[in-house]
């Protein structure tokens, strides 16, 4: 009976343990990190809320051409001082309907300005999305590269640990030199320091990635992608034309130029006559007093007002000139920005192709270093090579492998920067 109970308990406990221990989260792909960043990053949320605010302001501006209906009410009580018999009290209520008739184009310009502000905020959302995607891509590839750098540093440390053990055994057996053992131990300490530093950099990159995708800092991110793939050079294409048509910054500057043109219309409207009409209805009820009889009446009247500026000491003309100069400055800013975008495209293309050539060269360097290390290992174990030469060969192999990983990461980062530079 006890035997059956123990067997049943042994079969049950692993199942209970598997149910209580949570499964490890699946590794995140680059596409998943992008989706998380676009859905949870607070910077993009702020840009979207600002866009909604400008849309509400645009809808509010559209109501400025419609008539406004207002209700006003006043109660009053009048009593004389020092015994005078003056005393009156009453209440009034009124409705006023106001309608602008002519404002020199000010109402239309204000509505158009609000519409342009809405488009500017929409372009700001696009720009924020692109910047967020590029930052996510670059941080992701940096984290992947650092993961591979950690693996390389750990492999180098393991190789040096094996060498130190071998040298220590030879020294204990009296067939090795202590100087060789100490030299290998120093090399091992350097490898351990390099491994710790690389792990810290990897941890920091994962923290930055967690902030970008809206994950808690204490979450341990696992990345699914590998830095392997195609690293071909990129030929010249219509990148500059695509950037000029798609970059949100250029579209914002173009919209700002239109805004400045509308500001000129607003400044000119201040020199034109302003005509407005209103219809009013009033209800008055007053109790009798010593001077005023009991009264109750409901008058109605219509008013058309004209405001014509006469002497403002050229203030409005100077303001119009100010807006005109601002419009010319925004045109110059747009032309300068287009030149900068073309320069950025050229720089990113050059950087990407340099990274592609560096990847190809570093692959050859890694192959040569690995072959050289293999030959040096054989010579060292055969007693035909000194320890410093072996350590130097291992260092060269480690550096070549690390440089290859850096070149691949630089290619991926430059690739993301080129996509962002084209505004896609």
Protein backbone atom coordinates (compact mmCIF):
# COMPACT_ATOMS: atom_id res chain seq x y z
CA UNK A 1 0.00 0.00 0.00
CA UNK A 2 2.80 2.38 0.92
CA UNK A 3 4.56 1.48 -2.31
CA UNK A 4 1.50 2.36 -4.40
CA UNK A 5 1.09 5.66 -2.54
CA UNK A 6 4.71 6.63 -3.16
CA UNK A 7 4.45 5.75 -6.86
CA UNK A 8 1.26 7.78 -7.25
CA UNK A 9 2.77 10.75 -5.43
CA UNK A 10 5.85 10.59 -7.62
CA UNK A 11 3.70 10.71 -10.73
CA UNK A 12 1.51 13.54 -9.42
CA UNK A 13 4.18 15.96 -8.13
CA UNK A 14 5.83 16.69 -11.51
CA UNK A 15 2.41 17.51 -12.97
CA UNK A 16 1.60 19.88 -10.12
CA UNK A 17 5.02 21.51 -10.43
CA UNK A 18 4.54 22.01 -14.15
CA UNK A 19 1.20 23.72 -13.45
CA UNK A 20 2.57 26.07 -10.80
CA UNK A 21 5.75 27.13 -12.61
CA UNK A 22 4.86 29.63 -15.37
CA UNK A 23 6.15 28.95 -18.82
CA UNK A 24 8.94 31.15 -20.13
CA UNK A 25 7.72 33.90 -22.46
CA UNK A 26 8.21 33.30 -26.13
CA UNK A 27 11.08 35.18 -27.78
CA UNK A 28 10.07 38.49 -29.35
CA UNK A 29 10.55 39.01 -33.05
CA UNK A 30 11.35 42.38 -34.57
CA UNK A 31 7.80 42.68 -35.96
CA UNK A 32 6.33 42.00 -32.51
CA UNK A 33 8.57 44.64 -30.93
CA UNK A 34 7.43 47.15 -33.55
CA UNK A 35 3.78 46.35 -32.87
CA UNK A 36 4.26 46.71 -29.12
CA UNK A 37 6.06 50.03 -29.56
CA UNK A 38 3.29 51.41 -31.77
CA UNK A 39 0.57 50.34 -29.34
CA UNK A 40 2.14 51.08 -25.95
CA UNK A 41 4.78 53.80 -26.30
CA UNK A 42 3.74 56.99 -24.50
CA UNK A 43 5.46 59.30 -27.00
CA UNK A 44 3.19 58.10 -29.79
CA UNK A 45 0.17 58.27 -27.48
CA UNK A 46 0.96 61.92 -26.75
CA UNK A 47 1.25 62.72 -30.48
CA UNK A 48 -2.12 61.08 -31.15
CA UNK A 49 -3.80 63.03 -28.35
CA UNK A 50 -2.39 66.27 -29.77
CA UNK A 51 -3.80 65.32 -33.15
CA UNK A 52 -7.22 64.77 -31.59
CA UNK A 53 -6.94 68.19 -29.91
CA UNK A 54 -6.26 69.92 -33.24
CA UNK A 55 -9.17 68.05 -34.84
CA UNK A 56 -11.48 69.31 -32.09
CA UNK A 57 -10.12 72.86 -32.59
CA UNK A 58 -10.83 72.56 -36.33
CA UNK A 59 -14.43 71.51 -35.71
CA UNK A 60 -14.79 74.40 -33.27
CA UNK A 61 -13.40 76.86 -35.83
CA UNK A 62 -15.96 75.70 -38.41
CA UNK A 63 -18.74 76.94 -36.12
CA UNK A 64 -17.43 80.55 -36.28
CA UNK A 65 -19.37 81.18 -39.52
CA UNK A 66 -22.68 80.06 -37.95
CA UNK A 67 -25.03 82.35 -36.01
CA UNK A 68 -24.72 82.38 -32.21
CA UNK A 69 -27.74 82.47 -29.93
CA UNK A 70 -27.25 83.78 -26.37
CA UNK A 71 -29.58 84.31 -23.42
CA UNK A 72 -29.01 86.99 -20.78
CA UNK A 73 -30.98 87.80 -17.64
CA UNK A 74 -30.62 90.60 -15.07
CA UNK A 75 -32.45 91.28 -11.80
CA UNK A 76 -32.18 94.67 -10.15
CA UNK A 77 -33.31 96.46 -7.03
CA UNK A 78 -32.91 100.23 -6.57
CA UNK A 79 -33.44 102.05 -3.29
CA UNK A 80 -32.75 105.65 -2.50
CA UNK A 81 -30.38 106.82 0.22
CA UNK A 82 -31.06 109.15 3.17
CA UNK A 83 -34.78 108.59 3.14
CA UNK A 84 -35.48 109.42 -0.50
CA UNK A 85 -38.55 107.63 -1.78
CA UNK A 86 -36.82 106.24 -4.90
CA UNK A 87 -37.32 102.50 -5.04
CA UNK A 88 -37.68 100.07 -7.94
CA UNK A 89 -37.11 96.41 -8.67
CA UNK A 90 -37.52 94.23 -11.70
CA UNK A 91 -36.11 91.49 -13.91
CA UNK A 92 -35.08 91.41 -17.54
CA UNK A 93 -34.43 88.52 -19.89
CA UNK A 94 -33.22 88.65 -23.46
CA UNK A 95 -32.25 86.55 -26.49
CA UNK A 96 -29.56 87.71 -28.90
CA UNK A 97 -28.80 86.18 -32.29
CA UNK A 98 -25.44 87.30 -33.73
CA UNK A 99 -24.21 86.58 -37.23
CA UNK A 100 -20.94 87.83 -38.80
CA UNK A 101 -21.62 89.12 -42.29
CA UNK A 102 -18.26 90.30 -43.60
CA UNK A 103 -14.89 90.13 -41.83
CA UNK A 104 -12.42 90.67 -44.63
CA UNK A 105 -11.76 86.93 -45.05
CA UNK A 106 -10.75 86.47 -41.41
CA UNK A 107 -13.30 83.70 -40.68
CA UNK A 108 -12.36 81.64 -43.74
CA UNK A 109 -8.65 82.08 -42.99
CA UNK A 110 -9.08 80.97 -39.38
CA UNK A 111 -10.96 77.85 -40.47
CA UNK A 112 -8.29 77.07 -43.06
CA UNK A 113 -5.58 77.60 -40.43
CA UNK A 114 -7.26 75.12 -38.13
CA UNK A 115 -7.44 72.61 -40.96
CA UNK A 116 -3.74 73.04 -41.70
CA UNK A 117 -2.92 72.57 -38.01
CA UNK A 118 -4.81 69.29 -38.13
CA UNK A 119 -2.70 68.15 -41.08
CA UNK A 120 0.49 69.24 -39.30
CA UNK A 121 -0.44 67.20 -36.23
CA UNK A 122 -1.20 64.19 -38.46
CA UNK A 123 2.27 64.51 -40.02
CA UNK A 124 3.72 64.76 -36.51
CA UNK A 125 2.07 61.43 -35.68
CA UNK A 126 3.61 59.91 -38.83
CA UNK A 127 7.03 61.31 -37.92
CA UNK A 128 6.75 59.97 -34.38
CA UNK A 129 5.78 56.54 -35.71
CA UNK A 130 8.76 56.48 -38.06
CA UNK A 131 11.19 57.62 -35.36
CA UNK A 132 9.79 55.06 -32.95
CA UNK A 133 10.11 52.22 -35.47
CA UNK A 134 13.68 53.20 -36.32
CA UNK A 135 14.66 53.43 -32.66
CA UNK A 136 13.05 50.05 -32.01
CA UNK A 137 14.85 48.46 -34.98
CA UNK A 138 18.22 49.91 -34.02
CA UNK A 139 17.87 49.00 -30.34
CA UNK A 140 16.67 45.51 -31.24
CA UNK A 141 19.66 44.85 -33.50
CA UNK A 142 22.02 46.28 -30.91
CA UNK A 143 20.58 43.91 -28.32
CA UNK A 144 20.90 40.96 -30.73
CA UNK A 145 24.48 41.91 -31.56
CA UNK A 146 25.36 42.22 -27.88
CA UNK A 147 23.81 38.81 -27.26
CA UNK A 148 26.17 37.34 -29.84
CA UNK A 149 29.05 39.35 -28.39
CA UNK A 150 28.29 37.82 -24.99
CA UNK A 151 28.34 34.35 -26.54
CA UNK A 152 31.70 35.09 -28.21
CA UNK A 153 33.16 36.48 -24.98
CA UNK A 154 31.89 33.48 -23.03
CA UNK A 155 33.42 31.09 -25.59
CA UNK A 156 36.73 32.94 -25.43
CA UNK A 157 36.68 32.73 -21.64
CA UNK A 158 35.95 29.00 -21.75
CA UNK A 159 38.82 28.49 -24.18
CA UNK A 160 41.19 30.41 -21.93
CA UNK A 161 39.97 28.51 -18.87
CA UNK A 162 40.81 25.24 -20.59
CA UNK A 163 44.23 26.60 -21.52
CA UNK A 164 44.87 27.74 -17.94
CA UNK A 165 43.91 24.32 -16.61
CA UNK A 166 46.25 22.66 -19.10
CA UNK A 167 49.12 24.98 -18.20
CA UNK A 168 48.44 24.54 -14.50
CA UNK A 169 48.58 20.74 -14.88
CA UNK A 170 51.87 21.03 -16.76
CA UNK A 171 53.27 23.37 -14.11
CA UNK A 172 52.20 21.05 -11.28
CA UNK A 173 53.80 18.16 -13.14
CA UNK A 174 57.05 20.11 -13.48
CA UNK A 175 56.99 20.28 -17.29
CA UNK A 176 55.65 23.83 -17.62
CA UNK A 177 56.70 27.34 -16.75
CA UNK A 178 54.98 29.52 -14.16
CA UNK A 179 55.45 32.57 -16.38
CA UNK A 180 53.30 30.93 -19.06
CA UNK A 181 50.63 30.11 -16.48
CA UNK A 182 50.59 33.68 -15.16
CA UNK A 183 50.42 35.11 -18.68
CA UNK A 184 47.43 32.90 -19.49
CA UNK A 185 45.74 33.83 -16.19
CA UNK A 186 46.12 37.53 -17.00
CA UNK A 187 44.57 36.90 -20.39
CA UNK A 188 41.74 35.04 -18.68
CA UNK A 189 41.07 37.95 -16.31
CA UNK A 190 40.89 40.31 -19.27
CA UNK A 191 38.39 37.98 -20.96
CA UNK A 192 36.25 37.88 -17.81
CA UNK A 193 36.26 41.68 -17.56
CA UNK A 194 35.30 41.90 -21.23
CA UNK A 195 32.47 39.43 -20.66
CA UNK A 196 31.11 41.39 -17.67
CA UNK A 197 31.23 44.66 -19.60
CA UNK A 198 29.46 43.14 -22.58
CA UNK A 199 26.76 41.65 -20.35
CA UNK A 200 26.17 45.06 -18.76
CA UNK A 201 25.82 46.65 -22.19
CA UNK A 202 23.40 43.91 -23.19
CA UNK A 203 21.32 44.49 -20.07
CA UNK A 204 21.22 48.24 -20.76
CA UNK A 205 20.13 47.71 -24.37
CA UNK A 206 17.32 45.43 -23.21
CA UNK A 207 16.19 48.08 -20.72
CA UNK A 208 16.05 50.64 -23.52
CA UNK A 209 14.11 48.21 -25.71
CA UNK A 210 11.69 47.50 -22.83
CA UNK A 211 11.03 51.23 -22.47
CA UNK A 212 10.41 51.60 -26.20
CA UNK A 213 7.91 48.74 -26.39
CA UNK A 214 6.19 49.60 -23.10
CA UNK A 215 7.35 46.58 -21.13
CA UNK A 216 8.29 46.75 -17.42
CA UNK A 217 12.00 47.13 -16.80
CA UNK A 218 12.10 43.97 -14.70
CA UNK A 219 10.88 41.80 -17.60
CA UNK A 220 13.61 39.61 -19.06
CA UNK A 221 13.30 40.05 -22.81
CA UNK A 222 14.18 37.20 -25.11
CA UNK A 223 14.85 38.09 -28.73
CA UNK A 224 14.08 35.69 -31.52
CA UNK A 225 15.95 37.21 -34.44
CA UNK A 226 19.48 36.40 -35.49
CA UNK A 227 21.85 38.90 -36.99
CA UNK A 228 22.56 36.57 -39.87
CA UNK A 229 21.10 37.19 -43.30
CA UNK A 230 21.82 39.02 -46.53
CA UNK A 231 24.23 41.96 -46.35
CA UNK A 232 24.36 42.99 -49.99
CA UNK A 233 25.35 46.49 -51.12
CA UNK A 234 22.54 48.82 -52.18
CA UNK A 235 22.67 50.60 -55.52
CA UNK A 236 21.50 54.18 -56.12
CA UNK A 237 17.77 54.43 -56.66
CA UNK A 238 15.04 57.04 -56.38
CA UNK A 239 15.56 57.38 -52.63
CA UNK A 240 15.83 61.16 -52.77
CA UNK A 241 12.61 61.57 -54.81
CA UNK A 242 10.75 59.25 -52.46
CA UNK A 243 12.06 61.14 -49.45
CA UNK A 244 10.99 64.51 -50.89
CA UNK A 245 7.47 63.17 -51.38
CA UNK A 246 7.11 61.17 -48.16
CA UNK A 247 9.18 62.74 -45.38
CA UNK A 248 6.82 64.09 -42.69
CA UNK A 249 9.26 66.89 -41.82
CA UNK A 250 9.10 68.24 -45.38
CA UNK A 251 5.33 67.96 -45.47
CA UNK A 252 5.13 69.84 -42.18
CA UNK A 253 7.31 72.65 -43.54
CA UNK A 254 5.15 72.84 -46.67
CA UNK A 255 2.05 73.09 -44.50
CA UNK A 256 3.77 75.75 -42.39
CA UNK A 257 4.38 77.73 -45.57
CA UNK A 258 0.65 77.59 -46.33
CA UNK A 259 -0.05 78.63 -42.76
CA UNK A 260 2.15 81.70 -43.14
CA UNK A 261 0.26 82.64 -46.30
CA UNK A 262 -3.02 82.48 -44.38
CA UNK A 263 -1.47 84.59 -41.63
CA UNK A 264 -0.96 87.29 -44.25
CA UNK A 265 -4.69 87.11 -45.07
CA UNK A 266 -5.51 87.47 -41.37
CA UNK A 267 -3.24 90.49 -41.02
CA UNK A 268 -4.81 92.09 -44.13
CA UNK A 269 -8.33 91.50 -42.79
CA UNK A 270 -7.59 93.83 -39.87
CA UNK A 271 -7.46 96.75 -42.35
CA UNK A 272 -10.82 95.88 -43.92
CA UNK A 273 -14.28 96.77 -42.61
CA UNK A 274 -16.02 94.36 -40.26
CA UNK A 275 -19.80 93.95 -40.62
CA UNK A 276 -21.96 91.96 -38.21
CA UNK A 277 -25.70 91.66 -37.63
CA UNK A 278 -27.71 90.76 -34.57
CA UNK A 279 -31.36 90.25 -33.66
CA UNK A 280 -32.40 90.82 -30.04
CA UNK A 281 -35.59 90.19 -28.07
CA UNK A 282 -36.03 91.61 -24.54
CA UNK A 283 -38.52 90.92 -21.81
CA UNK A 284 -38.88 93.43 -18.94
CA UNK A 285 -41.06 93.17 -15.84
CA UNK A 286 -40.91 95.96 -13.28
CA UNK A 287 -42.87 96.43 -10.06
CA UNK A 288 -44.39 99.85 -9.26
CA UNK A 289 -42.37 102.45 -7.41
CA UNK A 290 -42.59 106.07 -6.50
CA UNK A 291 -41.25 107.25 -9.86
CA UNK A 292 -41.73 104.29 -12.22
CA UNK A 293 -45.09 102.61 -12.83
CA UNK A 294 -45.59 98.88 -13.06
CA UNK A 295 -44.34 97.84 -16.47
CA UNK A 296 -44.14 94.65 -18.52
CA UNK A 297 -43.14 94.67 -22.19
CA UNK A 298 -41.19 92.62 -24.76
CA UNK A 299 -39.36 94.77 -27.31
CA UNK A 300 -37.42 93.30 -30.26
CA UNK A 301 -34.86 94.98 -32.46
CA UNK A 302 -32.25 94.23 -35.11
CA UNK A 303 -28.81 95.78 -35.34
CA UNK A 304 -26.22 95.89 -38.11
CA UNK A 305 -22.78 97.09 -36.96
CA UNK A 306 -19.94 98.38 -39.12
CA UNK A 307 -16.38 98.71 -37.87
CA UNK A 308 -14.03 100.57 -40.24
CA UNK A 309 -10.42 101.10 -39.09
CA UNK A 310 -9.24 104.63 -39.88
CA UNK A 311 -6.04 105.66 -38.13
CA UNK A 312 -3.90 102.90 -36.60
CA UNK A 313 -0.51 104.43 -37.39
CA UNK A 314 0.32 101.73 -39.98
CA UNK A 315 0.18 99.03 -37.29
CA UNK A 316 -1.83 96.61 -39.45
CA UNK A 317 0.36 97.21 -42.51
CA UNK A 318 3.50 96.50 -40.48
CA UNK A 319 1.94 93.33 -39.08
CA UNK A 320 1.11 92.24 -42.62
CA UNK A 321 4.73 92.87 -43.64
CA UNK A 322 5.89 90.79 -40.67
CA UNK A 323 3.75 87.84 -41.76
CA UNK A 324 5.03 88.20 -45.34
CA UNK A 325 8.64 88.06 -44.19
CA UNK A 326 7.84 85.02 -42.08
CA UNK A 327 6.34 83.30 -45.13
CA UNK A 328 9.50 84.01 -47.12
CA UNK A 329 11.61 82.62 -44.27
CA UNK A 330 9.54 79.43 -44.18
CA UNK A 331 10.08 78.99 -47.92
CA UNK A 332 13.84 79.25 -47.38
CA UNK A 333 13.59 76.73 -44.52
CA UNK A 334 11.75 74.30 -46.80
CA UNK A 335 14.42 74.61 -49.50
CA UNK A 336 17.17 74.08 -46.92
CA UNK A 337 15.38 71.05 -45.46
CA UNK A 338 15.11 69.47 -48.91
CA UNK A 339 18.84 69.85 -49.39
CA UNK A 340 19.51 68.33 -45.97
CA UNK A 341 17.27 65.36 -46.79
CA UNK A 342 19.17 64.71 -50.01
CA UNK A 343 22.43 64.87 -48.05
CA UNK A 344 21.03 62.49 -45.42
CA UNK A 345 20.03 59.98 -48.10
CA UNK A 346 23.54 60.08 -49.59
CA UNK A 347 25.13 59.67 -46.15
CA UNK A 348 22.90 56.71 -45.21
CA UNK A 349 23.54 55.00 -48.55
CA UNK A 350 27.27 55.44 -48.11
CA UNK A 351 27.12 54.11 -44.56
CA UNK A 352 25.07 51.08 -45.61
CA UNK A 353 27.41 50.14 -48.45
CA UNK A 354 30.44 50.63 -46.21
CA UNK A 355 28.89 48.23 -43.70
CA UNK A 356 28.24 45.71 -46.49
CA UNK A 357 31.89 45.85 -47.61
CA UNK A 358 33.03 45.63 -44.01
CA UNK A 359 30.92 42.48 -43.47
CA UNK A 360 32.51 40.83 -46.52
CA UNK A 361 36.03 41.75 -45.39
CA UNK A 362 35.42 40.66 -41.80
CA UNK A 363 34.15 37.28 -42.95
CA UNK A 364 37.46 36.71 -44.70
CA UNK A 365 39.30 37.94 -41.61
CA UNK A 366 37.38 35.50 -39.39
CA UNK A 367 38.14 32.59 -41.73
CA UNK A 368 41.83 33.47 -41.80
CA UNK A 369 42.00 34.00 -38.02
CA UNK A 370 40.25 30.70 -37.31
CA UNK A 371 42.57 28.81 -39.65
CA UNK A 372 45.59 30.52 -38.12
CA UNK A 373 44.39 29.64 -34.62
CA UNK A 374 43.84 26.01 -35.62
CA UNK A 375 47.40 25.76 -36.91
CA UNK A 376 48.78 27.53 -33.83
CA UNK A 377 46.86 25.18 -31.52
CA UNK A 378 48.41 22.18 -33.25
CA UNK A 379 51.89 23.69 -33.10
CA UNK A 380 51.50 24.62 -29.43
CA UNK A 381 50.40 21.14 -28.41
CA UNK A 382 53.29 19.75 -30.44
CA UNK A 383 55.68 22.02 -28.56
CA UNK A 384 56.59 24.04 -31.66
CA UNK A 385 54.95 27.34 -30.65
CA UNK A 386 55.42 29.65 -27.70
CA UNK A 387 52.48 30.57 -25.50
CA UNK A 388 52.48 34.32 -26.38
CA UNK A 389 51.98 33.46 -30.04
CA UNK A 390 49.06 31.19 -29.17
CA UNK A 391 47.43 33.86 -26.99
CA UNK A 392 47.90 36.43 -29.71
CA UNK A 393 46.23 34.12 -32.23
CA UNK A 394 43.28 33.61 -29.88
CA UNK A 395 42.99 37.37 -29.35
CA UNK A 396 43.02 38.02 -33.09
CA UNK A 397 40.30 35.41 -33.62
CA UNK A 398 38.16 36.94 -30.85
CA UNK A 399 38.59 40.44 -32.22
CA UNK A 400 37.79 39.35 -35.79
CA UNK A 401 34.60 37.57 -34.69
CA UNK A 402 33.52 40.57 -32.59
CA UNK A 403 34.24 42.95 -35.46
CA UNK A 404 32.11 40.80 -37.79
CA UNK A 405 29.17 40.99 -35.39
CA UNK A 406 29.63 44.77 -35.13
CA UNK A 407 29.69 45.08 -38.92
CA UNK A 408 26.47 43.08 -39.27
CA UNK A 409 24.77 45.16 -36.59
CA UNK A 410 25.96 48.35 -38.28
CA UNK A 411 24.45 47.14 -41.56
CA UNK A 412 21.06 46.47 -39.95
CA UNK A 413 21.10 49.83 -38.18
CA UNK A 414 22.06 51.66 -41.37
CA UNK A 415 19.33 49.78 -43.23
CA UNK A 416 16.72 51.01 -40.75
CA UNK A 417 18.10 54.55 -40.95
CA UNK A 418 17.80 54.52 -44.76
CA UNK A 419 14.18 53.40 -44.58
CA UNK A 420 13.46 56.22 -42.14
CA UNK A 421 15.31 58.74 -44.30
CA UNK A 422 13.02 57.92 -47.24
CA UNK A 423 9.95 58.54 -45.06
CA UNK A 424 8.51 55.07 -45.51
